[in-house]
Protein backbone atom coordinates (compact mmCIF):
# COMPACT_ATOMS: atom_id res chain seq x y z
CA UNK A 1 0.00 0.00 0.00
CA UNK A 2 1.57 3.29 -1.10
CA UNK A 3 1.37 6.49 0.93
CA UNK A 4 -0.27 9.51 -0.60
CA UNK A 5 1.69 12.66 -1.36
CA UNK A 6 0.03 14.52 1.50
CA UNK A 7 1.05 11.78 3.95
CA UNK A 8 4.69 12.11 2.81
CA UNK A 9 4.52 15.88 3.12
CA UNK A 10 3.14 15.61 6.67
CA UNK A 11 5.82 13.06 7.65
CA UNK A 12 8.66 15.14 6.22
CA UNK A 13 7.24 18.30 7.79
CA UNK A 14 7.03 16.58 11.17
CA UNK A 15 10.61 15.41 10.89
CA UNK A 16 11.76 18.92 9.96
CA UNK A 17 9.89 20.45 12.91
CA UNK A 18 11.32 17.91 15.37
CA UNK A 19 14.88 18.27 14.09
CA UNK A 20 14.57 22.05 13.94
CA UNK A 21 13.39 22.22 17.54
CA UNK A 22 16.14 19.86 18.69
CA UNK A 23 18.86 21.85 16.91
CA UNK A 24 17.51 25.14 18.30
CA UNK A 25 17.49 23.74 21.86
CA UNK A 26 21.04 22.40 21.45
CA UNK A 27 22.38 25.69 20.08
CA UNK A 28 20.71 27.69 22.85
CA UNK A 29 22.07 25.35 25.54
CA UNK A 30 25.57 25.53 24.12
CA UNK A 31 25.44 29.34 23.98
CA UNK A 32 24.28 29.47 27.61
CA UNK A 33 27.06 27.13 28.68
CA UNK A 34 29.60 29.19 26.73
CA UNK A 35 28.41 32.34 28.49
CA UNK A 36 28.68 30.60 31.88
CA UNK A 37 32.22 29.46 31.07
CA UNK A 38 33.24 33.00 30.08
CA UNK A 39 31.87 34.36 33.35
CA UNK A 40 33.68 31.65 35.30
CA UNK A 41 36.95 32.46 33.56
CA UNK A 42 36.53 36.21 34.16
CA UNK A 43 35.18 36.17 37.71
CA UNK A 44 36.08 32.76 39.08
CA UNK A 45 32.46 32.07 40.05
CA UNK A 46 28.90 32.63 38.85
CA UNK A 47 25.45 32.84 40.35
CA UNK A 48 23.95 29.39 40.68
CA UNK A 49 20.25 30.26 40.93
CA UNK A 50 17.85 32.57 39.14
CA UNK A 51 15.78 35.05 41.15
CA UNK A 52 12.73 32.79 40.85
CA UNK A 53 14.68 29.73 41.98
CA UNK A 54 16.10 31.58 44.97
CA UNK A 55 12.60 32.69 45.97
CA UNK A 56 11.31 29.13 45.70
CA UNK A 57 14.29 27.77 47.62
CA UNK A 58 13.88 30.35 50.39
CA UNK A 59 10.15 29.52 50.67
CA UNK A 60 10.89 25.78 50.80
CA UNK A 61 13.50 26.28 53.54
CA UNK A 62 11.08 28.36 55.63
CA UNK A 63 8.25 25.85 55.15
CA UNK A 64 10.42 22.78 55.84
CA UNK A 65 12.92 23.75 58.56
CA UNK A 66 13.13 20.21 59.96
CA UNK A 67 13.52 18.38 56.65
CA UNK A 68 16.68 16.27 56.38
CA UNK A 69 17.76 18.38 53.37
CA UNK A 70 17.03 21.76 54.96
CA UNK A 71 20.57 22.40 56.19
CA UNK A 72 22.06 21.64 52.76
CA UNK A 73 19.43 23.83 51.07
CA UNK A 74 20.21 26.66 53.51
CA UNK A 75 23.92 26.28 52.79
CA UNK A 76 23.35 26.43 49.00
CA UNK A 77 21.08 29.45 49.41
CA UNK A 78 23.63 31.30 51.52
CA UNK A 79 26.44 30.43 49.09
CA UNK A 80 24.47 31.98 46.24
CA UNK A 81 23.72 35.11 48.30
CA UNK A 82 27.43 35.57 49.03
CA UNK A 83 28.40 34.90 45.41
CA UNK A 84 25.88 37.47 44.15
CA UNK A 85 27.42 40.05 46.46
CA UNK A 86 30.96 39.33 45.21
CA UNK A 87 30.52 39.11 41.44
CA UNK A 88 30.17 41.98 38.99
CA UNK A 89 28.20 40.25 36.22
CA UNK A 90 25.42 37.74 36.79
CA UNK A 91 24.36 34.99 34.44
CA UNK A 92 20.71 35.16 35.45
CA UNK A 93 18.69 38.37 35.26
CA UNK A 94 19.33 39.79 38.73
CA UNK A 95 18.73 43.47 39.43
CA UNK A 96 20.89 45.22 42.00
CA UNK A 97 17.84 45.84 44.19
CA UNK A 98 17.04 42.11 44.18
CA UNK A 99 20.60 41.29 45.22
CA UNK A 100 20.55 43.97 47.93
CA UNK A 101 17.30 42.59 49.36
CA UNK A 102 18.71 39.07 49.84
CA UNK A 103 19.59 38.00 53.36
CA UNK A 104 21.41 34.93 54.56
CA UNK A 105 19.26 32.29 56.21
PDB file of N, CA and C in Angstrom:
ATOM      1  N   UNK A   1       0.846  -1.176   0.000  1.00  0.00           N
ATOM      2  CA  UNK A   1       0.000   0.000   0.000  1.00  0.00           C
ATOM      3  C   UNK A   1       0.895   1.244   0.000  1.00  0.00           C
ATOM      4  N   UNK A   2       0.749   2.101  -0.941  1.00  0.00           N
ATOM      5  CA  UNK A   2       1.573   3.290  -1.095  1.00  0.00           C
ATOM      6  C   UNK A   2       0.952   4.463  -0.333  1.00  0.00           C
ATOM      7  N   UNK A   3       1.822   5.301   0.218  1.00  0.00           N
ATOM      8  CA  UNK A   3       1.365   6.490   0.926  1.00  0.00           C
ATOM      9  C   UNK A   3       1.073   7.599  -0.072  1.00  0.00           C
ATOM     10  N   UNK A   4       0.081   8.392   0.277  1.00  0.00           N
ATOM     11  CA  UNK A   4      -0.270   9.506  -0.595  1.00  0.00           C
ATOM     12  C   UNK A   4       0.782  10.611  -0.464  1.00  0.00           C
ATOM     13  N   UNK A   5       0.755  11.537  -1.375  1.00  0.00           N
ATOM     14  CA  UNK A   5       1.688  12.659  -1.364  1.00  0.00           C
ATOM     15  C   UNK A   5       1.511  13.497  -0.111  1.00  0.00           C
ATOM     16  N   UNK A   6       0.267  13.707   0.298  1.00  0.00           N
ATOM     17  CA  UNK A   6       0.031  14.517   1.496  1.00  0.00           C
ATOM     18  C   UNK A   6       0.571  13.832   2.751  1.00  0.00           C
ATOM     19  N   UNK A   7       0.499  12.505   2.805  1.00  0.00           N
ATOM     20  CA  UNK A   7       1.054  11.777   3.950  1.00  0.00           C
ATOM     21  C   UNK A   7       2.572  11.952   4.003  1.00  0.00           C
ATOM     22  N   UNK A   8       3.240  11.895   2.864  1.00  0.00           N
ATOM     23  CA  UNK A   8       4.688  12.106   2.805  1.00  0.00           C
ATOM     24  C   UNK A   8       5.052  13.526   3.224  1.00  0.00           C
ATOM     25  N   UNK A   9       4.263  14.484   2.774  1.00  0.00           N
ATOM     26  CA  UNK A   9       4.522  15.880   3.122  1.00  0.00           C
ATOM     27  C   UNK A   9       4.390  16.081   4.630  1.00  0.00           C
ATOM     28  N   UNK A  10       3.355  15.494   5.223  1.00  0.00           N
ATOM     29  CA  UNK A  10       3.144  15.613   6.666  1.00  0.00           C
ATOM     30  C   UNK A  10       4.291  14.941   7.419  1.00  0.00           C
ATOM     31  N   UNK A  11       4.706  13.754   6.987  1.00  0.00           N
ATOM     32  CA  UNK A  11       5.817  13.060   7.652  1.00  0.00           C
ATOM     33  C   UNK A  11       7.111  13.863   7.555  1.00  0.00           C
ATOM     34  N   UNK A  12       7.437  14.360   6.394  1.00  0.00           N
ATOM     35  CA  UNK A  12       8.660  15.141   6.223  1.00  0.00           C
ATOM     36  C   UNK A  12       8.583  16.458   6.992  1.00  0.00           C
ATOM     37  N   UNK A  13       7.420  17.074   7.010  1.00  0.00           N
ATOM     38  CA  UNK A  13       7.236  18.302   7.789  1.00  0.00           C
ATOM     39  C   UNK A  13       7.417  18.043   9.279  1.00  0.00           C
ATOM     40  N   UNK A  14       6.874  16.935   9.747  1.00  0.00           N
ATOM     41  CA  UNK A  14       7.029  16.583  11.167  1.00  0.00           C
ATOM     42  C   UNK A  14       8.487  16.351  11.522  1.00  0.00           C
ATOM     43  N   UNK A  15       9.188  15.662  10.658  1.00  0.00           N
ATOM     44  CA  UNK A  15      10.611  15.409  10.892  1.00  0.00           C
ATOM     45  C   UNK A  15      11.377  16.728  10.925  1.00  0.00           C
ATOM     46  N   UNK A  16      11.066  17.620  10.002  1.00  0.00           N
ATOM     47  CA  UNK A  16      11.756  18.922   9.961  1.00  0.00           C
ATOM     48  C   UNK A  16      11.483  19.713  11.228  1.00  0.00           C
ATOM     49  N   UNK A  17      10.240  19.706  11.694  1.00  0.00           N
ATOM     50  CA  UNK A  17       9.894  20.445  12.911  1.00  0.00           C
ATOM     51  C   UNK A  17      10.628  19.857  14.111  1.00  0.00           C
ATOM     52  N   UNK A  18      10.636  18.545  14.243  1.00  0.00           N
ATOM     53  CA  UNK A  18      11.316  17.906  15.372  1.00  0.00           C
ATOM     54  C   UNK A  18      12.817  18.180  15.356  1.00  0.00           C
ATOM     55  N   UNK A  19      13.441  18.015  14.184  1.00  0.00           N
ATOM     56  CA  UNK A  19      14.877  18.269  14.090  1.00  0.00           C
ATOM     57  C   UNK A  19      15.188  19.748  14.306  1.00  0.00           C
ATOM     58  N   UNK A  20      14.351  20.613  13.762  1.00  0.00           N
ATOM     59  CA  UNK A  20      14.565  22.048  13.942  1.00  0.00           C
ATOM     60  C   UNK A  20      14.506  22.451  15.405  1.00  0.00           C
ATOM     61  N   UNK A  21      13.524  21.922  16.113  1.00  0.00           N
ATOM     62  CA  UNK A  21      13.392  22.216  17.541  1.00  0.00           C
ATOM     63  C   UNK A  21      14.584  21.672  18.319  1.00  0.00           C
ATOM     64  N   UNK A  22      14.997  20.470  17.998  1.00  0.00           N
ATOM     65  CA  UNK A  22      16.139  19.862  18.692  1.00  0.00           C
ATOM     66  C   UNK A  22      17.423  20.652  18.448  1.00  0.00           C
ATOM     67  N   UNK A  23      17.652  21.074  17.235  1.00  0.00           N
ATOM     68  CA  UNK A  23      18.857  21.848  16.907  1.00  0.00           C
ATOM     69  C   UNK A  23      18.811  23.199  17.608  1.00  0.00           C
ATOM     70  N   UNK A  24      17.660  23.857  17.618  1.00  0.00           N
ATOM     71  CA  UNK A  24      17.512  25.142  18.303  1.00  0.00           C
ATOM     72  C   UNK A  24      17.813  24.996  19.789  1.00  0.00           C
ATOM     73  N   UNK A  25      17.254  23.957  20.420  1.00  0.00           N
ATOM     74  CA  UNK A  25      17.495  23.739  21.855  1.00  0.00           C
ATOM     75  C   UNK A  25      18.973  23.475  22.129  1.00  0.00           C
ATOM     76  N   UNK A  26      19.614  22.703  21.281  1.00  0.00           N
ATOM     77  CA  UNK A  26      21.035  22.404  21.454  1.00  0.00           C
ATOM     78  C   UNK A  26      21.879  23.668  21.307  1.00  0.00           C
ATOM     79  N   UNK A  27      21.613  24.465  20.301  1.00  0.00           N
ATOM     80  CA  UNK A  27      22.381  25.694  20.079  1.00  0.00           C
ATOM     81  C   UNK A  27      22.196  26.645  21.252  1.00  0.00           C
ATOM     82  N   UNK A  28      20.971  26.799  21.720  1.00  0.00           N
ATOM     83  CA  UNK A  28      20.715  27.690  22.851  1.00  0.00           C
ATOM     84  C   UNK A  28      21.437  27.208  24.104  1.00  0.00           C
ATOM     85  N   UNK A  29      21.382  25.912  24.366  1.00  0.00           N
ATOM     86  CA  UNK A  29      22.066  25.351  25.539  1.00  0.00           C
ATOM     87  C   UNK A  29      23.576  25.561  25.453  1.00  0.00           C
ATOM     88  N   UNK A  30      24.130  25.350  24.285  1.00  0.00           N
ATOM     89  CA  UNK A  30      25.573  25.528  24.120  1.00  0.00           C
ATOM     90  C   UNK A  30      25.970  26.998  24.283  1.00  0.00           C
ATOM     91  N   UNK A  31      25.156  27.914  23.800  1.00  0.00           N
ATOM     92  CA  UNK A  31      25.441  29.341  23.984  1.00  0.00           C
ATOM     93  C   UNK A  31      25.391  29.721  25.463  1.00  0.00           C
ATOM     94  N   UNK A  32      24.380  29.202  26.172  1.00  0.00           N
ATOM     95  CA  UNK A  32      24.281  29.471  27.609  1.00  0.00           C
ATOM     96  C   UNK A  32      25.505  28.931  28.351  1.00  0.00           C
ATOM     97  N   UNK A  33      25.899  27.724  28.015  1.00  0.00           N
ATOM     98  CA  UNK A  33      27.058  27.132  28.680  1.00  0.00           C
ATOM     99  C   UNK A  33      28.335  27.890  28.352  1.00  0.00           C
ATOM    100  N   UNK A  34      28.443  28.385  27.126  1.00  0.00           N
ATOM    101  CA  UNK A  34      29.604  29.188  26.734  1.00  0.00           C
ATOM    102  C   UNK A  34      29.643  30.489  27.535  1.00  0.00           C
ATOM    103  N   UNK A  35      28.481  31.113  27.704  1.00  0.00           N
ATOM    104  CA  UNK A  35      28.411  32.344  28.491  1.00  0.00           C
ATOM    105  C   UNK A  35      28.792  32.075  29.948  1.00  0.00           C
ATOM    106  N   UNK A  36      28.322  30.960  30.504  1.00  0.00           N
ATOM    107  CA  UNK A  36      28.684  30.604  31.885  1.00  0.00           C
ATOM    108  C   UNK A  36      30.189  30.398  32.009  1.00  0.00           C
ATOM    109  N   UNK A  37      30.775  29.721  31.040  1.00  0.00           N
ATOM    110  CA  UNK A  37      32.218  29.465  31.072  1.00  0.00           C
ATOM    111  C   UNK A  37      33.007  30.768  30.992  1.00  0.00           C
ATOM    112  N   UNK A  38      32.570  31.695  30.158  1.00  0.00           N
ATOM    113  CA  UNK A  38      33.245  33.000  30.077  1.00  0.00           C
ATOM    114  C   UNK A  38      33.184  33.727  31.411  1.00  0.00           C
ATOM    115  N   UNK A  39      32.013  33.716  32.047  1.00  0.00           N
ATOM    116  CA  UNK A  39      31.873  34.364  33.349  1.00  0.00           C
ATOM    117  C   UNK A  39      32.750  33.694  34.397  1.00  0.00           C
ATOM    118  N   UNK A  40      32.815  32.369  34.362  1.00  0.00           N
ATOM    119  CA  UNK A  40      33.679  31.647  35.302  1.00  0.00           C
ATOM    120  C   UNK A  40      35.140  32.015  35.094  1.00  0.00           C
ATOM    121  N   UNK A  41      35.557  32.106  33.849  1.00  0.00           N
ATOM    122  CA  UNK A  41      36.949  32.462  33.560  1.00  0.00           C
ATOM    123  C   UNK A  41      37.270  33.893  33.985  1.00  0.00           C
ATOM    124  N   UNK A  42      36.313  34.798  33.808  1.00  0.00           N
ATOM    125  CA  UNK A  42      36.534  36.205  34.157  1.00  0.00           C
ATOM    126  C   UNK A  42      36.460  36.450  35.659  1.00  0.00           C
ATOM    127  N   UNK A  43      35.467  35.850  36.315  1.00  0.00           N
ATOM    128  CA  UNK A  43      35.175  36.171  37.712  1.00  0.00           C
ATOM    129  C   UNK A  43      35.585  35.083  38.697  1.00  0.00           C
ATOM    130  N   UNK A  44      35.757  33.877  38.196  1.00  0.00           N
ATOM    131  CA  UNK A  44      36.085  32.762  39.082  1.00  0.00           C
ATOM    132  C   UNK A  44      34.875  32.065  39.677  1.00  0.00           C
ATOM    133  N   UNK A  45      33.703  32.664  39.556  1.00  0.00           N
ATOM    134  CA  UNK A  45      32.463  32.066  40.052  1.00  0.00           C
ATOM    135  C   UNK A  45      31.272  32.746  39.374  1.00  0.00           C
ATOM    136  N   UNK A  46      30.127  32.064  39.413  1.00  0.00           N
ATOM    137  CA  UNK A  46      28.897  32.625  38.846  1.00  0.00           C
ATOM    138  C   UNK A  46      27.748  32.353  39.797  1.00  0.00           C
ATOM    139  N   UNK A  47      26.659  33.084  39.580  1.00  0.00           N
ATOM    140  CA  UNK A  47      25.451  32.843  40.353  1.00  0.00           C
ATOM    141  C   UNK A  47      24.871  31.485  39.952  1.00  0.00           C
ATOM    142  N   UNK A  48      24.420  30.746  40.940  1.00  0.00           N
ATOM    143  CA  UNK A  48      23.950  29.392  40.684  1.00  0.00           C
ATOM    144  C   UNK A  48      22.441  29.277  40.553  1.00  0.00           C
ATOM    145  N   UNK A  49      21.712  30.303  40.978  1.00  0.00           N
ATOM    146  CA  UNK A  49      20.253  30.257  40.928  1.00  0.00           C
ATOM    147  C   UNK A  49      19.700  31.538  40.324  1.00  0.00           C
ATOM    148  N   UNK A  50      18.572  31.410  39.658  1.00  0.00           N
ATOM    149  CA  UNK A  50      17.848  32.566  39.143  1.00  0.00           C
ATOM    150  C   UNK A  50      17.064  33.207  40.286  1.00  0.00           C
ATOM    151  N   UNK A  51      16.592  34.430  40.101  1.00  0.00           N
ATOM    152  CA  UNK A  51      15.776  35.054  41.153  1.00  0.00           C
ATOM    153  C   UNK A  51      14.564  34.206  41.539  1.00  0.00           C
ATOM    154  N   UNK A  52      13.906  33.635  40.565  1.00  0.00           N
ATOM    155  CA  UNK A  52      12.734  32.794  40.851  1.00  0.00           C
ATOM    156  C   UNK A  52      13.127  31.549  41.644  1.00  0.00           C
ATOM    157  N   UNK A  53      14.228  30.923  41.259  1.00  0.00           N
ATOM    158  CA  UNK A  53      14.684  29.728  41.976  1.00  0.00           C
ATOM    159  C   UNK A  53      15.069  30.052  43.407  1.00  0.00           C
ATOM    160  N   UNK A  54      15.720  31.182  43.602  1.00  0.00           N
ATOM    161  CA  UNK A  54      16.098  31.582  44.967  1.00  0.00           C
ATOM    162  C   UNK A  54      14.864  31.832  45.818  1.00  0.00           C
ATOM    163  N   UNK A  55      13.840  32.446  45.240  1.00  0.00           N
ATOM    164  CA  UNK A  55      12.600  32.685  45.969  1.00  0.00           C
ATOM    165  C   UNK A  55      11.948  31.362  46.363  1.00  0.00           C
ATOM    166  N   UNK A  56      11.897  30.437  45.416  1.00  0.00           N
ATOM    167  CA  UNK A  56      11.313  29.129  45.701  1.00  0.00           C
ATOM    168  C   UNK A  56      12.123  28.370  46.743  1.00  0.00           C
ATOM    169  N   UNK A  57      13.444  28.447  46.653  1.00  0.00           N
ATOM    170  CA  UNK A  57      14.293  27.771  47.620  1.00  0.00           C
ATOM    171  C   UNK A  57      14.116  28.368  49.010  1.00  0.00           C
ATOM    172  N   UNK A  58      14.081  29.684  49.104  1.00  0.00           N
ATOM    173  CA  UNK A  58      13.875  30.351  50.388  1.00  0.00           C
ATOM    174  C   UNK A  58      12.529  29.946  51.000  1.00  0.00           C
ATOM    175  N   UNK A  59      11.473  29.921  50.182  1.00  0.00           N
ATOM    176  CA  UNK A  59      10.151  29.519  50.673  1.00  0.00           C
ATOM    177  C   UNK A  59      10.168  28.070  51.153  1.00  0.00           C
ATOM    178  N   UNK A  60      10.824  27.187  50.405  1.00  0.00           N
ATOM    179  CA  UNK A  60      10.893  25.783  50.804  1.00  0.00           C
ATOM    180  C   UNK A  60      11.624  25.642  52.140  1.00  0.00           C
ATOM    181  N   UNK A  61      12.730  26.347  52.302  1.00  0.00           N
ATOM    182  CA  UNK A  61      13.501  26.281  53.544  1.00  0.00           C
ATOM    183  C   UNK A  61      12.650  26.745  54.717  1.00  0.00           C
ATOM    184  N   UNK A  62      11.922  27.829  54.537  1.00  0.00           N
ATOM    185  CA  UNK A  62      11.085  28.358  55.626  1.00  0.00           C
ATOM    186  C   UNK A  62       9.917  27.435  55.947  1.00  0.00           C
ATOM    187  N   UNK A  63       9.384  26.747  54.944  1.00  0.00           N
ATOM    188  CA  UNK A  63       8.250  25.851  55.153  1.00  0.00           C
ATOM    189  C   UNK A  63       8.671  24.466  55.653  1.00  0.00           C
ATOM    190  N   UNK A  64       9.938  24.122  55.478  1.00  0.00           N
ATOM    191  CA  UNK A  64      10.418  22.783  55.844  1.00  0.00           C
ATOM    192  C   UNK A  64      11.698  22.854  56.673  1.00  0.00           C
ATOM    193  N   UNK A  65      11.681  23.558  57.795  1.00  0.00           N
ATOM    194  CA  UNK A  65      12.925  23.746  58.558  1.00  0.00           C
ATOM    195  C   UNK A  65      13.490  22.454  59.160  1.00  0.00           C
ATOM    196  N   UNK A  66      12.667  21.457  59.334  1.00  0.00           N
ATOM    197  CA  UNK A  66      13.131  20.211  59.957  1.00  0.00           C
ATOM    198  C   UNK A  66      13.379  19.089  58.953  1.00  0.00           C
ATOM    199  N   UNK A  67      13.265  19.384  57.679  1.00  0.00           N
ATOM    200  CA  UNK A  67      13.522  18.380  56.654  1.00  0.00           C
ATOM    201  C   UNK A  67      14.991  17.988  56.685  1.00  0.00           C
ATOM    202  N   UNK A  68      15.281  16.740  56.337  1.00  0.00           N
ATOM    203  CA  UNK A  68      16.680  16.268  56.375  1.00  0.00           C
ATOM    204  C   UNK A  68      17.574  17.001  55.381  1.00  0.00           C
ATOM    205  N   UNK A  69      16.986  17.646  54.377  1.00  0.00           N
ATOM    206  CA  UNK A  69      17.763  18.377  53.375  1.00  0.00           C
ATOM    207  C   UNK A  69      17.784  19.882  53.627  1.00  0.00           C
ATOM    208  N   UNK A  70      17.144  20.327  54.695  1.00  0.00           N
ATOM    209  CA  UNK A  70      17.032  21.765  54.961  1.00  0.00           C
ATOM    210  C   UNK A  70      18.383  22.426  55.189  1.00  0.00           C
ATOM    211  N   UNK A  71      19.270  21.773  55.918  1.00  0.00           N
ATOM    212  CA  UNK A  71      20.575  22.400  56.186  1.00  0.00           C
ATOM    213  C   UNK A  71      21.391  22.546  54.903  1.00  0.00           C
ATOM    214  N   UNK A  72      21.338  21.548  54.034  1.00  0.00           N
ATOM    215  CA  UNK A  72      22.058  21.645  52.762  1.00  0.00           C
ATOM    216  C   UNK A  72      21.438  22.723  51.884  1.00  0.00           C
ATOM    217  N   UNK A  73      20.114  22.805  51.857  1.00  0.00           N
ATOM    218  CA  UNK A  73      19.433  23.829  51.070  1.00  0.00           C
ATOM    219  C   UNK A  73      19.795  25.218  51.585  1.00  0.00           C
ATOM    220  N   UNK A  74      19.841  25.375  52.906  1.00  0.00           N
ATOM    221  CA  UNK A  74      20.207  26.657  53.507  1.00  0.00           C
ATOM    222  C   UNK A  74      21.638  27.031  53.124  1.00  0.00           C
ATOM    223  N   UNK A  75      22.519  26.048  53.160  1.00  0.00           N
ATOM    224  CA  UNK A  75      23.920  26.285  52.788  1.00  0.00           C
ATOM    225  C   UNK A  75      24.036  26.738  51.336  1.00  0.00           C
ATOM    226  N   UNK A  76      23.317  26.058  50.421  1.00  0.00           N
ATOM    227  CA  UNK A  76      23.353  26.430  48.997  1.00  0.00           C
ATOM    228  C   UNK A  76      22.773  27.830  48.792  1.00  0.00           C
ATOM    229  N   UNK A  77      21.704  28.132  49.505  1.00  0.00           N
ATOM    230  CA  UNK A  77      21.082  29.451  49.407  1.00  0.00           C
ATOM    231  C   UNK A  77      22.075  30.516  49.842  1.00  0.00           C
ATOM    232  N   UNK A  78      22.684  30.317  50.994  1.00  0.00           N
ATOM    233  CA  UNK A  78      23.634  31.300  51.516  1.00  0.00           C
ATOM    234  C   UNK A  78      24.854  31.452  50.617  1.00  0.00           C
ATOM    235  N   UNK A  79      25.316  30.353  50.024  1.00  0.00           N
ATOM    236  CA  UNK A  79      26.441  30.425  49.092  1.00  0.00           C
ATOM    237  C   UNK A  79      26.092  31.306  47.904  1.00  0.00           C
ATOM    238  N   UNK A  80      24.874  31.167  47.385  1.00  0.00           N
ATOM    239  CA  UNK A  80      24.466  31.978  46.241  1.00  0.00           C
ATOM    240  C   UNK A  80      24.345  33.448  46.633  1.00  0.00           C
ATOM    241  N   UNK A  81      23.823  33.724  47.828  1.00  0.00           N
ATOM    242  CA  UNK A  81      23.722  35.112  48.300  1.00  0.00           C
ATOM    243  C   UNK A  81      25.110  35.743  48.345  1.00  0.00           C
ATOM    244  N   UNK A  82      26.067  35.040  48.926  1.00  0.00           N
ATOM    245  CA  UNK A  82      27.433  35.573  49.030  1.00  0.00           C
ATOM    246  C   UNK A  82      28.066  35.747  47.650  1.00  0.00           C
ATOM    247  N   UNK A  83      27.847  34.797  46.766  1.00  0.00           N
ATOM    248  CA  UNK A  83      28.396  34.898  45.410  1.00  0.00           C
ATOM    249  C   UNK A  83      27.817  36.111  44.694  1.00  0.00           C
ATOM    250  N   UNK A  84      26.514  36.318  44.806  1.00  0.00           N
ATOM    251  CA  UNK A  84      25.884  37.468  44.153  1.00  0.00           C
ATOM    252  C   UNK A  84      26.453  38.789  44.656  1.00  0.00           C
ATOM    253  N   UNK A  85      26.845  38.823  45.905  1.00  0.00           N
ATOM    254  CA  UNK A  85      27.420  40.053  46.464  1.00  0.00           C
ATOM    255  C   UNK A  85      28.860  40.291  45.994  1.00  0.00           C
ATOM    256  N   UNK A  86      29.559  39.210  45.618  1.00  0.00           N
ATOM    257  CA  UNK A  86      30.961  39.330  45.209  1.00  0.00           C
ATOM    258  C   UNK A  86      31.148  39.587  43.717  1.00  0.00           C
ATOM    259  N   UNK A  87      30.282  39.047  42.887  1.00  0.00           N
ATOM    260  CA  UNK A  87      30.518  39.109  41.441  1.00  0.00           C
ATOM    261  C   UNK A  87      29.998  40.413  40.832  1.00  0.00           C
ATOM    262  N   UNK A  88      30.576  40.762  39.695  1.00  0.00           N
ATOM    263  CA  UNK A  88      30.174  41.978  38.991  1.00  0.00           C
ATOM    264  C   UNK A  88      29.071  41.711  37.971  1.00  0.00           C
ATOM    265  N   UNK A  89      29.151  40.572  37.282  1.00  0.00           N
ATOM    266  CA  UNK A  89      28.204  40.249  36.221  1.00  0.00           C
ATOM    267  C   UNK A  89      27.502  38.943  36.548  1.00  0.00           C
ATOM    268  N   UNK A  90      26.178  38.959  36.510  1.00  0.00           N
ATOM    269  CA  UNK A  90      25.418  37.744  36.794  1.00  0.00           C
ATOM    270  C   UNK A  90      25.024  37.047  35.499  1.00  0.00           C
ATOM    271  N   UNK A  91      24.852  35.742  35.586  1.00  0.00           N
ATOM    272  CA  UNK A  91      24.360  34.990  34.435  1.00  0.00           C
ATOM    273  C   UNK A  91      22.853  35.153  34.316  1.00  0.00           C
ATOM    274  N   UNK A  92      22.169  35.001  35.436  1.00  0.00           N
ATOM    275  CA  UNK A  92      20.715  35.161  35.449  1.00  0.00           C
ATOM    276  C   UNK A  92      20.361  36.641  35.565  1.00  0.00           C
ATOM    277  N   UNK A  93      19.139  36.970  35.288  1.00  0.00           N
ATOM    278  CA  UNK A  93      18.694  38.371  35.260  1.00  0.00           C
ATOM    279  C   UNK A  93      18.406  38.903  36.660  1.00  0.00           C
ATOM    280  N   UNK A  94      19.457  39.218  37.393  1.00  0.00           N
ATOM    281  CA  UNK A  94      19.333  39.794  38.726  1.00  0.00           C
ATOM    282  C   UNK A  94      19.448  41.308  38.636  1.00  0.00           C
ATOM    283  N   UNK A  95      18.562  42.016  39.316  1.00  0.00           N
ATOM    284  CA  UNK A  95      18.726  43.466  39.434  1.00  0.00           C
ATOM    285  C   UNK A  95      19.509  43.729  40.719  1.00  0.00           C
ATOM    286  N   UNK A  96      20.121  44.881  40.802  1.00  0.00           N
ATOM    287  CA  UNK A  96      20.892  45.219  42.001  1.00  0.00           C
ATOM    288  C   UNK A  96      19.980  45.288  43.227  1.00  0.00           C
ATOM    289  N   UNK A  97      18.768  45.763  43.045  1.00  0.00           N
ATOM    290  CA  UNK A  97      17.836  45.845  44.186  1.00  0.00           C
ATOM    291  C   UNK A  97      17.452  44.453  44.684  1.00  0.00           C
ATOM    292  N   UNK A  98      17.323  43.492  43.767  1.00  0.00           N
ATOM    293  CA  UNK A  98      17.035  42.113  44.180  1.00  0.00           C
ATOM    294  C   UNK A  98      18.199  41.538  44.986  1.00  0.00           C
ATOM    295  N   UNK A  99      19.412  41.791  44.514  1.00  0.00           N
ATOM    296  CA  UNK A  99      20.596  41.294  45.222  1.00  0.00           C
ATOM    297  C   UNK A  99      20.698  41.939  46.590  1.00  0.00           C
ATOM    298  N   UNK A 100      20.476  43.252  46.667  1.00  0.00           N
ATOM    299  CA  UNK A 100      20.552  43.973  47.928  1.00  0.00           C
ATOM    300  C   UNK A 100      19.505  43.494  48.928  1.00  0.00           C
ATOM    301  N   UNK A 101      18.372  43.012  48.444  1.00  0.00           N
ATOM    302  CA  UNK A 101      17.304  42.588  49.358  1.00  0.00           C
ATOM    303  C   UNK A 101      17.519  41.185  49.923  1.00  0.00           C
ATOM    304  N   UNK A 102      18.465  40.441  49.374  1.00  0.00           N
ATOM    305  CA  UNK A 102      18.710  39.073  49.844  1.00  0.00           C
ATOM    306  C   UNK A 102      19.396  39.080  51.202  1.00  0.00           C
ATOM    307  N   UNK A 103      18.962  38.168  52.058  1.00  0.00           N
ATOM    308  CA  UNK A 103      19.586  38.000  53.362  1.00  0.00           C
ATOM    309  C   UNK A 103      19.954  36.536  53.541  1.00  0.00           C
ATOM    310  N   UNK A 104      21.019  36.309  54.245  1.00  0.00           N
ATOM    311  CA  UNK A 104      21.410  34.933  54.556  1.00  0.00           C
ATOM    312  C   UNK A 104      20.370  34.309  55.480  1.00  0.00           C
ATOM    313  N   UNK A 105      20.190  33.026  55.338  1.00  0.00           N
ATOM    314  CA  UNK A 105      19.261  32.292  56.205  1.00  0.00           C
ATOM    315  C   UNK A 105      19.999  31.532  57.285  1.00  0.00           C
TER     316      UNK A 105
END
